N, C-alpha and C. Protein backbone atom coordinates (compact mmCIF):
# COMPACT_ATOMS: atom_id res chain seq x y z
N MET A 1 99.68 79.90 102.64
CA MET A 1 99.67 81.03 103.72
C MET A 1 100.56 81.90 103.93
N GLN A 2 101.65 80.41 103.58
CA GLN A 2 102.87 81.22 103.02
C GLN A 2 103.18 82.06 102.02
N ASP A 3 102.72 80.98 100.87
CA ASP A 3 102.93 82.21 99.40
C ASP A 3 102.09 84.12 100.14
N TYR A 4 101.02 83.68 100.66
CA TYR A 4 100.84 85.14 101.05
C TYR A 4 100.75 86.16 101.54
N LEU A 5 101.78 85.76 102.53
CA LEU A 5 102.94 86.74 103.74
C LEU A 5 103.89 87.26 102.98
N THR A 6 103.81 86.20 102.16
CA THR A 6 105.72 86.45 101.38
C THR A 6 105.62 88.13 100.36
N GLN A 7 103.92 86.91 99.47
CA GLN A 7 103.87 88.64 98.35
C GLN A 7 103.63 89.84 99.13
N LEU A 8 102.43 90.19 100.23
CA LEU A 8 102.33 90.47 101.86
C LEU A 8 103.31 91.64 101.04
N GLU A 9 104.35 91.30 102.35
CA GLU A 9 105.44 91.36 102.98
C GLU A 9 106.28 92.72 101.23
N LYS A 10 106.27 91.70 100.30
CA LYS A 10 106.96 92.35 98.98
C LYS A 10 106.70 93.34 99.23
N LEU A 11 105.05 93.71 99.32
CA LEU A 11 104.58 94.83 98.30
C LEU A 11 103.88 95.79 99.14
N ARG A 12 104.51 95.83 100.73
CA ARG A 12 104.34 97.16 101.03
C ARG A 12 106.17 97.52 101.04
N LYS A 13 106.76 96.89 100.79
CA LYS A 13 108.02 96.61 100.66
C LYS A 13 108.23 98.12 99.42
N ASP A 14 108.03 97.36 98.42
CA ASP A 14 107.61 97.72 97.21
C ASP A 14 106.62 99.10 97.86
N ALA A 15 105.59 99.53 97.91
CA ALA A 15 105.27 100.87 97.74
C ALA A 15 105.62 101.23 99.03
N ALA A 16 106.45 100.87 99.61
CA ALA A 16 107.46 102.21 100.75
C ALA A 16 108.70 102.56 100.56
N GLU A 17 108.79 101.69 99.20
CA GLU A 17 109.87 102.51 97.95
C GLU A 17 109.56 103.48 97.42
N CYS A 18 108.07 103.23 96.32
CA CYS A 18 108.37 104.32 95.66
C CYS A 18 107.52 105.47 96.80
N SER A 19 106.99 105.32 97.71
CA SER A 19 106.98 106.78 99.08
C SER A 19 107.67 107.11 98.97
N LEU A 20 109.21 106.63 98.99
CA LEU A 20 110.42 107.94 99.30
C LEU A 20 111.16 108.13 98.09
N ILE A 21 111.08 107.65 96.73
CA ILE A 21 111.26 107.74 95.87
C ILE A 21 110.01 109.72 95.17
N ARG A 22 109.09 109.66 95.87
CA ARG A 22 108.34 110.29 95.30
C ARG A 22 108.38 111.22 95.77
N ASP A 23 109.00 111.47 97.76
CA ASP A 23 109.10 112.57 98.35
C ASP A 23 110.75 113.19 98.12
N LEU A 24 111.07 111.94 97.34
CA LEU A 24 112.69 112.81 96.69
C LEU A 24 112.80 113.06 96.39
N ALA A 25 111.38 113.31 94.82
CA ALA A 25 111.88 113.49 93.19
C ALA A 25 111.25 115.01 93.83
N THR A 26 112.30 115.42 92.39
CA THR A 26 112.41 117.56 92.43
C THR A 26 111.45 117.33 91.30
N ASP A 27 111.41 116.16 89.76
CA ASP A 27 110.96 116.64 89.08
C ASP A 27 108.83 116.24 89.54
N PRO A 28 108.42 117.16 89.12
CA PRO A 28 106.68 116.69 89.82
C PRO A 28 106.11 115.39 88.80
N ALA A 29 106.70 115.81 87.18
CA ALA A 29 105.28 114.15 87.18
C ALA A 29 106.08 112.49 87.75
N LYS A 30 107.51 112.65 87.97
CA LYS A 30 108.23 111.16 88.52
C LYS A 30 107.35 111.07 89.64
N ARG A 31 107.30 113.09 90.29
CA ARG A 31 106.61 112.62 91.79
C ARG A 31 105.17 112.22 91.99
N GLU A 32 104.60 112.43 90.16
CA GLU A 32 103.27 111.80 90.18
C GLU A 32 103.75 110.68 89.69
N LEU A 33 104.20 109.82 89.42
CA LEU A 33 104.59 108.43 88.86
C LEU A 33 104.68 107.69 89.75
N PHE A 34 105.36 108.27 91.10
CA PHE A 34 105.49 106.84 92.31
C PHE A 34 104.46 107.34 92.95
N ASP A 35 104.13 108.76 93.12
CA ASP A 35 102.96 108.32 93.85
C ASP A 35 101.95 107.66 93.47
N ARG A 36 101.21 107.28 92.13
CA ARG A 36 100.68 106.23 91.82
C ARG A 36 100.81 105.10 92.57
N LEU A 37 102.11 105.19 91.82
CA LEU A 37 102.83 103.35 91.86
C LEU A 37 102.26 103.02 93.37
N ALA A 38 102.80 103.97 93.84
CA ALA A 38 102.75 103.27 95.62
C ALA A 38 101.26 103.09 96.22
N ASN A 39 100.31 104.50 95.59
CA ASN A 39 98.80 104.01 96.24
C ASN A 39 98.55 101.85 95.55
N HIS A 40 98.96 102.45 93.70
CA HIS A 40 98.66 100.88 93.14
C HIS A 40 98.65 99.79 94.71
N LEU A 41 100.16 99.85 94.28
CA LEU A 41 100.45 98.48 94.82
C LEU A 41 100.11 98.70 97.20
N THR A 42 99.91 99.86 97.76
CA THR A 42 98.93 100.06 98.55
C THR A 42 98.10 99.61 98.46
N MET A 43 97.25 99.37 97.41
CA MET A 43 95.48 98.22 96.67
C MET A 43 96.11 96.93 96.21
N LEU A 44 97.24 96.66 96.43
CA LEU A 44 96.66 95.31 95.95
C LEU A 44 97.41 94.59 97.00
N ALA A 45 98.21 95.39 97.95
CA ALA A 45 99.08 94.72 99.30
C ALA A 45 97.32 94.00 100.13
N ASP A 46 96.48 95.47 100.48
CA ASP A 46 95.05 95.57 100.82
C ASP A 46 95.27 94.65 100.49
N GLN A 47 94.32 93.91 99.59
CA GLN A 47 93.73 93.49 97.90
C GLN A 47 94.27 91.58 98.65
N VAL A 48 95.61 91.59 98.77
CA VAL A 48 96.24 89.83 99.39
C VAL A 48 95.36 90.50 100.80
N GLU A 49 95.78 91.27 101.70
CA GLU A 49 95.12 90.98 103.19
C GLU A 49 94.20 91.02 103.14
N MET A 50 92.93 91.40 102.45
CA MET A 50 91.66 90.58 102.69
C MET A 50 91.67 89.27 102.15
N ALA A 51 92.44 88.44 100.72
CA ALA A 51 92.37 87.96 100.69
C ALA A 51 92.68 86.81 101.60
N MET A 52 93.76 86.51 102.75
CA MET A 52 94.30 85.81 103.38
C MET A 52 93.08 85.70 105.43
N LEU A 53 92.41 86.39 104.94
CA LEU A 53 91.70 86.53 105.95
C LEU A 53 90.50 86.04 105.50
N GLU A 54 89.98 86.19 104.43
CA GLU A 54 89.22 85.48 103.85
C GLU A 54 89.28 84.14 103.99
N ARG A 55 90.89 83.70 103.41
CA ARG A 55 91.18 82.04 103.38
C ARG A 55 91.19 81.46 104.93
N LYS A 56 91.76 82.50 105.62
CA LYS A 56 91.84 81.94 107.03
C LYS A 56 90.33 81.09 107.40
N SER A 57 89.53 82.99 107.33
CA SER A 57 87.79 82.54 107.98
C SER A 57 87.04 81.58 107.98
N GLY A 58 87.43 81.60 105.93
CA GLY A 58 86.55 80.37 105.49
C GLY A 58 85.57 80.52 104.33
N THR A 59 85.31 82.21 104.70
CA THR A 59 84.71 82.56 103.36
C THR A 59 84.54 82.57 102.19
N LYS A 60 85.96 82.35 101.59
CA LYS A 60 86.24 82.35 99.93
C LYS A 60 86.41 80.80 100.01
């Protein structure tokens, strides 16, 4: 379970960093890229969190 938690924290931190870079970027292409990265990392973090909950509840 600790592995899931560690990965979840890392993904959330990376998503936040991508959002920060997106917000500071002046180049539209760079802004779009970091927006997509932030969204993708957030989705991955959500999936890890769901896996944690499923594992904890014993549904999988």
